[in-house]
Protein backbone atom coordinates (compact mmCIF):
# COMPACT_ATOMS: atom_id res chain seq x y z
CA MET A 1 129.57 180.90 165.91
CA GLU A 2 126.48 180.36 167.98
CA SER A 3 124.47 179.55 164.86
CA THR A 4 126.98 176.94 163.76
CA VAL A 5 126.89 175.31 167.17
CA ILE A 6 123.11 175.16 167.09
CA THR A 7 123.11 173.56 163.65
CA MET A 8 125.68 170.99 164.75
CA LYS A 9 123.51 170.09 167.74
CA LYS A 10 120.50 169.65 165.48
CA ILE A 11 122.47 167.39 163.17
CA ILE A 12 123.67 165.31 166.10
CA LEU A 13 120.08 164.96 167.36
CA LEU A 14 118.85 163.85 163.95
CA LEU A 15 121.60 161.27 163.66
CA SER A 16 120.80 159.90 167.09
CA VAL A 17 117.10 159.63 166.24
CA ILE A 18 117.95 157.78 163.02
CA MET A 19 120.19 155.38 164.89
CA LEU A 20 117.43 154.65 167.40
CA LEU A 21 114.97 153.92 164.62
CA LEU A 22 117.42 151.54 162.95
CA LEU A 23 118.04 149.73 166.21
CA CYS A 24 114.29 149.32 166.78
CA SER A 25 113.74 147.89 163.30
CA CYS A 26 116.62 145.44 163.72
CA ALA A 27 115.22 144.29 167.03
CA ARG A 28 111.81 143.66 165.48
CA THR A 29 113.20 141.62 162.61
CA GLY A 30 115.33 139.59 165.03
CA ASN A 31 112.28 138.83 167.20
CA ASN A 32 110.29 137.73 164.16
CA ASN A 33 113.10 135.39 163.05
CA LEU A 34 113.28 133.92 166.54
CA VAL A 35 109.54 133.31 166.61
CA THR A 36 109.58 131.55 163.23
CA ASP A 37 112.57 129.40 164.26
CA ILE A 38 110.85 128.40 167.48
CA SER A 39 107.60 127.50 165.68
CA ASN A 40 109.48 125.43 163.06
CA SER A 41 111.43 123.54 165.70
CA SER A 42 108.23 122.77 167.65
CA GLN A 43 106.53 121.43 164.49
CA GLU A 44 109.53 119.21 163.72
CA GLN A 45 109.46 117.82 167.27
CA GLN A 46 105.74 117.01 166.94
CA VAL A 47 106.32 115.20 163.62
CA LYS A 48 109.18 113.17 165.12
CA GLN A 49 107.04 112.20 168.12
CA GLU A 50 104.21 111.03 165.82
CA GLU A 51 106.65 108.95 163.72
CA LEU A 52 108.06 107.37 166.88
CA LEU A 53 104.56 106.46 168.06
CA LYS A 54 103.72 104.86 164.69
CA THR A 55 106.92 102.83 164.58
CA SER A 56 106.41 101.63 168.14
CA ASP A 57 102.84 100.50 167.34
CA GLN A 58 104.00 98.64 164.24
CA ALA A 59 106.84 97.00 166.16
CA ASP A 60 104.38 95.80 168.81
CA ILE A 61 102.09 94.27 166.20
CA SER A 62 104.97 92.60 164.29
CA ASP A 63 106.31 90.95 167.48
CA ILE A 64 103.24 88.72 167.75
CA PRO A 65 104.15 85.14 166.63
CA LEU A 66 101.81 83.64 164.05
CA SER A 67 102.68 79.94 164.09
CA VAL A 68 99.49 78.38 162.75
CA SER A 69 100.03 75.71 160.10
CA LYS A 70 97.60 75.45 157.14
CA PRO A 71 95.78 72.14 156.62
CA GLN A 72 97.37 70.04 153.84
CA ASN A 73 94.48 67.74 152.95
CA ASP A 74 90.84 67.03 153.66
CA SER A 75 91.61 64.84 156.71
CA ASP A 76 93.61 67.63 158.34
CA GLU A 77 90.76 70.07 157.68
CA ALA A 78 88.28 67.69 159.28
CA GLY A 79 90.53 67.31 162.32
CA SER A 80 90.95 71.05 162.68
CA GLU A 81 87.19 71.60 162.47
CA SER A 82 86.50 68.92 165.12
CA SER A 83 89.02 70.34 167.61
CA PRO A 84 89.34 74.13 167.20
CA SER A 85 90.47 74.66 170.76
CA SER A 86 93.62 72.55 170.31
CA ALA A 87 94.65 74.36 167.12
CA SER A 88 94.21 77.79 168.61
CA SER A 89 95.69 77.16 172.02
CA PRO A 90 99.35 78.00 171.17
CA ALA A 91 98.37 81.14 169.32
CA SER A 92 96.04 82.28 172.14
CA ALA A 93 98.80 81.73 174.70
CA ALA A 94 101.21 83.76 172.65
CA LEU A 95 98.64 86.50 172.26
CA GLU A 96 98.02 86.64 176.01
CA ASP A 97 101.77 86.95 176.68
CA GLN A 98 102.03 89.69 174.10
CA THR A 99 99.10 91.66 175.56
CA GLU A 100 100.84 91.76 178.94
CA LYS A 101 103.96 93.19 177.30
CA SER A 102 102.40 95.56 174.76
CA PRO A 103 101.62 99.06 176.08
CA SER A 104 99.08 99.86 173.37
CA GLY A 105 96.21 97.93 174.99
CA SER A 106 93.94 95.31 173.38
CA ALA A 107 93.94 96.66 169.82
CA SER A 108 96.90 94.60 168.49
CA PRO A 109 95.68 91.17 169.78
CA SER A 110 92.30 91.70 168.12
CA VAL A 111 93.96 92.38 164.75
CA SER A 112 96.22 89.33 165.02
CA SER A 113 93.35 87.07 166.11
CA GLN A 114 91.35 88.22 163.08
CA LYS A 115 94.29 87.27 160.83
CA LEU A 116 94.56 83.86 162.49
CA SER A 117 90.87 83.14 162.00
CA ASP A 118 91.10 84.15 158.33
CA GLU A 119 94.08 81.84 157.82
CA GLN A 120 92.33 78.90 159.52
CA THR A 121 89.13 79.29 157.49
CA GLN A 122 90.94 79.77 154.16
CA PRO A 123 90.57 76.54 152.10
CA ALA A 124 93.49 74.94 150.34
CA GLN A 125 93.72 75.92 146.71
CA GLU A 126 94.13 73.05 144.31
CA ASN A 127 96.53 73.51 141.44
CA VAL A 128 94.38 73.16 138.36
CA PRO A 129 96.37 72.88 135.10
CA PRO A 130 95.33 75.48 132.51
CA SER A 131 93.19 74.15 129.75
CA GLU A 132 94.83 73.91 126.37
CA PRO A 133 93.50 76.41 123.81
CA LEU A 134 91.36 74.98 121.11
CA GLN A 135 93.19 74.76 117.83
CA PRO A 136 91.22 76.06 114.86
CA SER A 137 90.36 73.51 112.29
CA GLN A 138 92.78 73.72 109.45
CA GLU A 139 90.59 73.15 106.48
CA SER A 140 92.12 74.31 103.26
CA GLU A 141 89.69 74.93 100.50
CA GLN A 142 91.24 73.92 97.24
CA PRO A 143 90.12 76.03 94.29
CA GLU A 144 88.45 74.17 91.54
CA ALA A 145 90.73 73.64 88.58
CA GLU A 146 89.56 75.38 85.47
CA GLN A 147 89.00 72.99 82.62
CA PRO A 148 90.59 74.07 79.35
CA ALA A 149 88.32 74.76 76.42
CA ALA A 150 87.92 71.86 74.08
CA ALA A 151 89.60 72.06 70.71
CA GLY A 152 87.31 73.32 67.96
CA ASP A 153 84.85 74.87 70.42
CA LYS A 154 83.56 78.17 69.00
CA THR A 155 82.95 79.59 72.49
CA ALA A 156 86.74 79.63 73.10
CA ILE A 157 87.13 82.66 70.77
CA SER A 158 87.51 85.82 72.85
CA ASP A 159 85.98 89.08 71.52
CA PRO A 160 85.36 88.13 67.86
CA ALA A 161 85.22 91.13 65.51
CA VAL A 162 84.78 92.00 61.84
CA THR A 163 85.78 94.95 59.68
CA PHE A 164 82.73 96.84 58.38
CA SER A 165 82.35 99.69 55.85
CA ILE A 166 79.62 101.41 53.75
CA VAL A 167 80.37 103.24 50.47
CA CYS A 168 77.83 104.87 48.15
CA LEU A 169 79.60 105.49 44.82
CA GLU A 170 82.16 108.17 45.73
CA ASP A 171 80.55 108.98 49.09
CA VAL A 172 82.02 107.09 52.08
CA VAL A 173 79.12 106.68 54.49
CA LEU A 174 81.13 104.64 57.00
CA ALA A 175 84.87 104.20 56.83
CA ALA A 176 86.28 100.73 57.48
CA ALA A 177 86.31 100.00 61.23
CA LYS A 178 86.27 96.97 63.50
CA PHE A 179 83.10 96.00 65.35
CA GLU A 180 82.62 93.19 67.83
CA ILE A 181 80.18 90.45 66.92
CA GLU A 182 78.46 87.60 68.65
CA LEU A 183 78.59 83.99 67.56
CA GLY A 184 75.96 83.34 64.91
CA ASP A 185 75.65 86.97 63.80
CA THR A 186 74.75 87.49 60.15
CA VAL A 187 75.64 90.35 57.80
CA PHE A 188 72.16 91.75 58.39
CA ASP A 189 72.55 91.61 62.19
CA VAL A 190 75.80 93.57 62.10
CA LEU A 191 74.37 96.10 59.59
CA LYS A 192 71.44 96.86 61.86
CA ARG A 193 73.70 97.19 64.92
CA VAL A 194 76.26 99.44 63.21
CA THR A 195 73.69 101.79 61.64
CA ARG A 196 71.92 102.08 65.01
CA GLU A 197 75.16 102.93 66.83
CA ARG A 198 76.33 105.45 64.19
CA ARG A 199 72.84 106.85 63.61
CA ILE A 200 72.80 106.01 59.91
CA HIS A 201 69.47 105.68 58.11
CA LEU A 202 68.48 102.09 57.18
CA ASP A 203 65.40 100.77 55.35
CA PHE A 204 64.79 97.08 54.65
CA SER A 205 62.01 94.61 53.92
CA GLY A 206 61.39 90.89 54.30
CA GLY A 207 62.10 88.51 57.16
CA VAL A 208 65.38 87.88 58.90
CA ALA A 209 66.56 85.08 56.63
CA ALA A 210 65.22 86.82 53.49
CA ALA A 211 65.98 90.44 54.41
CA TYR A 212 66.33 92.88 51.51
CA ILE A 213 68.06 96.25 51.92
CA LYS A 214 66.03 98.97 50.25
CA GLY A 215 68.00 102.06 51.33
CA ILE A 216 71.00 103.22 53.38
CA ASN A 217 71.73 106.82 54.34
CA ASN A 218 68.59 107.90 52.42
CA VAL A 219 69.93 106.42 49.17
CA TYR A 220 67.47 103.84 47.79
CA GLN A 221 67.42 101.30 45.00
CA PHE A 222 66.48 102.66 41.54
CA ASP A 223 67.63 106.17 42.60
CA MET A 224 70.49 105.95 40.08
CA GLY A 225 68.66 103.89 37.45
CA ALA A 226 66.73 100.67 36.89
CA GLU A 227 69.76 98.51 37.79
CA SER A 228 70.88 100.49 40.85
CA GLY A 229 70.76 99.24 44.44
CA TRP A 230 72.78 98.01 47.46
CA MET A 231 75.09 94.94 47.42
CA TYR A 232 77.54 93.46 49.91
CA LYS A 233 80.69 91.37 49.71
CA VAL A 234 82.63 89.43 52.35
CA ASN A 235 86.41 89.09 52.15
CA GLY A 236 86.35 90.61 48.63
CA ALA A 237 83.72 88.27 47.18
CA PHE A 238 80.07 89.01 46.45
CA SER A 239 77.46 86.51 47.61
CA SER A 240 74.11 85.51 46.13
CA LEU A 241 72.74 84.75 49.62
CA SER A 242 70.50 87.14 51.45
CA CYS A 243 72.35 89.26 54.00
CA GLY A 244 70.15 87.66 56.68
CA ALA A 245 71.39 84.17 55.77
CA TYR A 246 75.14 84.81 55.60
CA ALA A 247 76.78 83.95 58.97
CA LEU A 248 79.97 85.85 59.83
CA GLN A 249 83.17 84.63 61.45
CA ASP A 250 85.92 86.33 63.41
CA GLY A 251 88.15 88.45 61.16
CA ASP A 252 85.75 88.76 58.18
CA VAL A 253 85.78 91.96 56.10
CA VAL A 254 82.28 93.18 55.14
CA GLU A 255 81.71 95.93 52.53
CA TRP A 256 78.38 97.44 51.56
CA LEU A 257 78.50 99.08 48.12
CA TYR A 258 75.99 100.91 45.94
CA THR A 259 75.85 99.80 42.28
CA GLU A 260 74.31 101.35 39.19
CA GLU A 261 74.60 98.28 36.88
CA LEU A 262 73.75 95.27 39.08
CA GLY A 263 77.34 95.11 40.29
CA LYS A 264 79.00 94.85 36.86
CA GLU A 265 81.13 97.95 37.46
CA LEU A 266 82.07 96.52 40.91
CA GLY A 267 83.17 93.16 39.52
CA ALA A 268 80.21 91.19 40.75
CA GLY A 269 79.84 89.30 37.45
CA PHE A 270 76.08 88.77 37.75
CA ASP A 271 74.11 88.51 34.46
């Protein structure tokens, strides 16, 4: 029994100690909250006092009457410059009355007097009409009209061409194909150009107007007999002219052929 009583007393003591600690902690937190509330309220009061002071200063400055009329023309400006005391007398009287009433001292009259002096010295601005923008010169360049080509003019032909082929007996050296020509080209001119482009061997003698073809593709005259050699025909007809003297036209068909009998087997009909 005695042991149980002792334990109960110990428990009661512990509980009382715990309660005291809790009360102390609550008291501390309450004091801290009070301190913060007091500091916040004091700061708010200071801010309100500063705002009241600012508003009172602004109200004092705004109460000052500014009844100075601006000069309307040059004569009024001259009059105001000749008698500055008369123009500033009503404003100075109003400022003196305001300084007696305003509690903020001589700061507000000095600001208002500065404004009045600025307004008196400000010149009248003349309304100048804006200058009209310069209009760009509207100059239209008319394109030159193209003159049509005259009828019968050979230069009006666009991209003239001929069909060209080379055949040596049964060997086709160059199959029939179209080649562009220039105005005034001869059979000899086109032969030289085509063999150069296709890298075909060509051997000739004589001048341009009297050119004579000796060999094409390494096949020469007299290789197949005493009457063998190269001949040409245009549009299916053989010509007795030199290949350097026969002028071609657009659409002509030129054939170079190798003969063994002076063209008799080809239908040339030469004796």
